[in-house]
Amino acid sequence: MVYVNWFVGRLKKTFNTVVSQDEVSYEAYDFYHEDLDDLLVPAKHLKKLPNPLLLETLSCVDGEGFEWIAGFVLEEETRRILYEVWIKNGEAIAYELYI
């Protein structure tokens, strides 16, 4: 899966964290805006995203026991990334709105 390679590379380059591709899990969900909290998508960003939205996540636990999650809101027809959030141990540490 292309996203797994990207996730592992981004963890290493941006967050100086090394994990194996085999340690990465993937999930995807459709959510309505009212089902999400500000941890994943702040309200000011949520209003710019489709409703419902497709959220795909990649996650792992690194060698130090930290849980890493990258979440992506995708445009379903084109698979273009609209929003990206990084969560470390339950706390959002970075996000990007692409629209």
C-alpha atoms as a PDB file:
ATOM      1  CA  MET A   1       0.000   0.000   0.000  1.00  0.00           C
ATOM      2  CA  VAL A   2       1.405   3.359  -1.068  1.00  0.00           C
ATOM      3  CA  TYR A   3       0.235   5.151   2.061  1.00  0.00           C
ATOM      4  CA  VAL A   4       2.169   2.794   4.347  1.00  0.00           C
ATOM      5  CA  ASN A   5       5.432   3.710   2.611  1.00  0.00           C
ATOM      6  CA  TRP A   6       4.535   7.388   2.891  1.00  0.00           C
ATOM      7  CA  PHE A   7       3.599   7.039   6.583  1.00  0.00           C
ATOM      8  CA  VAL A   8       6.853   5.257   7.515  1.00  0.00           C
ATOM      9  CA  GLY A   9       8.890   7.803   5.523  1.00  0.00           C
ATOM     10  CA  ARG A  10       7.115  10.798   7.059  1.00  0.00           C
ATOM     11  CA  LEU A  11       7.567   9.447  10.585  1.00  0.00           C
ATOM     12  CA  LYS A  12      11.302   9.112   9.959  1.00  0.00           C
ATOM     13  CA  LYS A  13      11.830  12.418   8.137  1.00  0.00           C
ATOM     14  CA  THR A  14       9.506  14.709  10.083  1.00  0.00           C
ATOM     15  CA  PHE A  15       9.333  13.150  13.541  1.00  0.00           C
ATOM     16  CA  ASN A  16      12.684  11.265  13.664  1.00  0.00           C
ATOM     17  CA  THR A  17      10.851   8.021  14.465  1.00  0.00           C
ATOM     18  CA  VAL A  18      11.650   4.713  12.791  1.00  0.00           C
ATOM     19  CA  VAL A  19       9.046   1.944  12.456  1.00  0.00           C
ATOM     20  CA  SER A  20       8.708  -1.094  10.216  1.00  0.00           C
ATOM     21  CA  GLN A  21       6.005  -1.232   7.556  1.00  0.00           C
ATOM     22  CA  ASP A  22       4.832  -4.473   9.181  1.00  0.00           C
ATOM     23  CA  GLU A  23       3.933  -2.546  12.357  1.00  0.00           C
ATOM     24  CA  VAL A  24       1.518  -0.171  10.572  1.00  0.00           C
ATOM     25  CA  SER A  25      -2.236  -0.752  10.620  1.00  0.00           C
ATOM     26  CA  TYR A  26      -4.872   0.823   8.371  1.00  0.00           C
ATOM     27  CA  GLU A  27      -8.556   1.678   8.832  1.00  0.00           C
ATOM     28  CA  ALA A  28     -11.109   3.745   6.916  1.00  0.00           C
ATOM     29  CA  TYR A  29     -14.444   5.162   8.084  1.00  0.00           C
ATOM     30  CA  ASP A  30     -17.212   7.409   6.827  1.00  0.00           C
ATOM     31  CA  PHE A  31     -18.185  10.064   9.376  1.00  0.00           C
ATOM     32  CA  TYR A  32     -20.808  12.767   9.580  1.00  0.00           C
ATOM     33  CA  HIS A  33     -19.513  16.044  10.981  1.00  0.00           C
ATOM     34  CA  GLU A  34     -21.463  15.675  14.218  1.00  0.00           C
ATOM     35  CA  ASP A  35     -19.686  12.356  14.877  1.00  0.00           C
ATOM     36  CA  LEU A  36     -16.201  13.924  15.016  1.00  0.00           C
ATOM     37  CA  ASP A  37     -14.548  15.865  17.796  1.00  0.00           C
ATOM     38  CA  ASP A  38     -11.968  18.642  17.658  1.00  0.00           C
ATOM     39  CA  LEU A  39      -9.085  16.204  18.217  1.00  0.00           C
ATOM     40  CA  LEU A  40      -9.383  14.858  14.682  1.00  0.00           C
ATOM     41  CA  VAL A  41     -10.695  17.901  12.873  1.00  0.00           C
ATOM     42  CA  PRO A  42     -11.105  21.359  14.481  1.00  0.00           C
ATOM     43  CA  ALA A  43     -14.530  22.892  13.831  1.00  0.00           C
ATOM     44  CA  LYS A  44     -13.035  25.696  11.710  1.00  0.00           C
ATOM     45  CA  HIS A  45     -11.611  23.052   9.335  1.00  0.00           C
ATOM     46  CA  LEU A  46     -14.582  20.708   9.479  1.00  0.00           C
ATOM     47  CA  LYS A  47     -16.932  23.228   7.901  1.00  0.00           C
ATOM     48  CA  LYS A  48     -14.731  23.203   4.758  1.00  0.00           C
ATOM     49  CA  LEU A  49     -14.851  19.414   4.357  1.00  0.00           C
ATOM     50  CA  PRO A  50     -17.550  17.192   2.804  1.00  0.00           C
ATOM     51  CA  ASN A  51     -20.341  15.808   4.974  1.00  0.00           C
ATOM     52  CA  PRO A  52     -20.158  12.849   5.324  1.00  0.00           C
ATOM     53  CA  LEU A  53     -16.408  12.496   4.920  1.00  0.00           C
ATOM     54  CA  LEU A  54     -14.088   9.562   4.346  1.00  0.00           C
ATOM     55  CA  LEU A  55     -11.353   9.341   6.994  1.00  0.00           C
ATOM     56  CA  GLU A  56      -8.491   6.912   6.457  1.00  0.00           C
ATOM     57  CA  THR A  57      -5.989   6.278   9.241  1.00  0.00           C
ATOM     58  CA  LEU A  58      -2.567   4.711   9.515  1.00  0.00           C
ATOM     59  CA  SER A  59      -1.244   3.913  12.976  1.00  0.00           C
ATOM     60  CA  CYS A  60       1.562   2.201  14.848  1.00  0.00           C
ATOM     61  CA  VAL A  61       3.349   2.076  18.178  1.00  0.00           C
ATOM     62  CA  ASP A  62       7.049   2.927  18.018  1.00  0.00           C
ATOM     63  CA  GLY A  63       9.905   1.309  19.920  1.00  0.00           C
ATOM     64  CA  GLU A  64       9.475   3.741  22.818  1.00  0.00           C
ATOM     65  CA  GLY A  65       5.780   2.900  23.219  1.00  0.00           C
ATOM     66  CA  PHE A  66       4.406   6.076  21.607  1.00  0.00           C
ATOM     67  CA  GLU A  67       1.247   5.625  19.543  1.00  0.00           C
ATOM     68  CA  TRP A  68       1.287   7.456  16.194  1.00  0.00           C
ATOM     69  CA  ILE A  69      -1.785   8.042  14.029  1.00  0.00           C
ATOM     70  CA  ALA A  70      -2.000   9.857  10.711  1.00  0.00           C
ATOM     71  CA  GLY A  71      -5.548  10.613   9.562  1.00  0.00           C
ATOM     72  CA  PHE A  72      -6.572  11.719   6.079  1.00  0.00           C
ATOM     73  CA  VAL A  73      -9.837  13.068   4.777  1.00  0.00           C
ATOM     74  CA  LEU A  74     -10.083  12.051   1.145  1.00  0.00           C
ATOM     75  CA  GLU A  75     -12.255  13.184  -1.709  1.00  0.00           C
ATOM     76  CA  GLU A  76     -13.965   9.902  -2.537  1.00  0.00           C
ATOM     77  CA  GLU A  77     -14.095  10.277  -6.329  1.00  0.00           C
ATOM     78  CA  THR A  78     -10.496  11.391  -6.905  1.00  0.00           C
ATOM     79  CA  ARG A  79      -8.793  10.064  -3.711  1.00  0.00           C
ATOM     80  CA  ARG A  80      -7.229  13.535  -3.356  1.00  0.00           C
ATOM     81  CA  ILE A  81      -6.184  14.378   0.218  1.00  0.00           C
ATOM     82  CA  LEU A  82      -8.262  17.256   1.601  1.00  0.00           C
ATOM     83  CA  TYR A  83      -7.046  17.201   5.202  1.00  0.00           C
ATOM     84  CA  GLU A  84      -4.246  15.558   7.185  1.00  0.00           C
ATOM     85  CA  VAL A  85      -3.819  15.236  10.956  1.00  0.00           C
ATOM     86  CA  TRP A  86      -1.012  13.644  13.020  1.00  0.00           C
ATOM     87  CA  ILE A  87      -1.751  12.393  16.521  1.00  0.00           C
ATOM     88  CA  LYS A  88       0.850  11.228  19.029  1.00  0.00           C
ATOM     89  CA  ASN A  89      -0.367   9.484  22.191  1.00  0.00           C
ATOM     90  CA  GLY A  90      -3.867  10.899  21.785  1.00  0.00           C
ATOM     91  CA  GLU A  91      -2.822  14.505  21.158  1.00  0.00           C
ATOM     92  CA  ALA A  92      -2.950  16.239  17.773  1.00  0.00           C
ATOM     93  CA  ILE A  93       0.540  17.517  17.022  1.00  0.00           C
ATOM     94  CA  ALA A  94       0.212  18.617  13.374  1.00  0.00           C
ATOM     95  CA  TYR A  95      -2.452  19.134  10.748  1.00  0.00           C
ATOM     96  CA  GLU A  96      -2.812  20.505   7.239  1.00  0.00           C
ATOM     97  CA  LEU A  97      -5.912  21.633   5.347  1.00  0.00           C
ATOM     98  CA  TYR A  98      -5.354  21.249   1.614  1.00  0.00           C
ATOM     99  CA  ILE A  99      -8.519  22.969   0.358  1.00  0.00           C
END
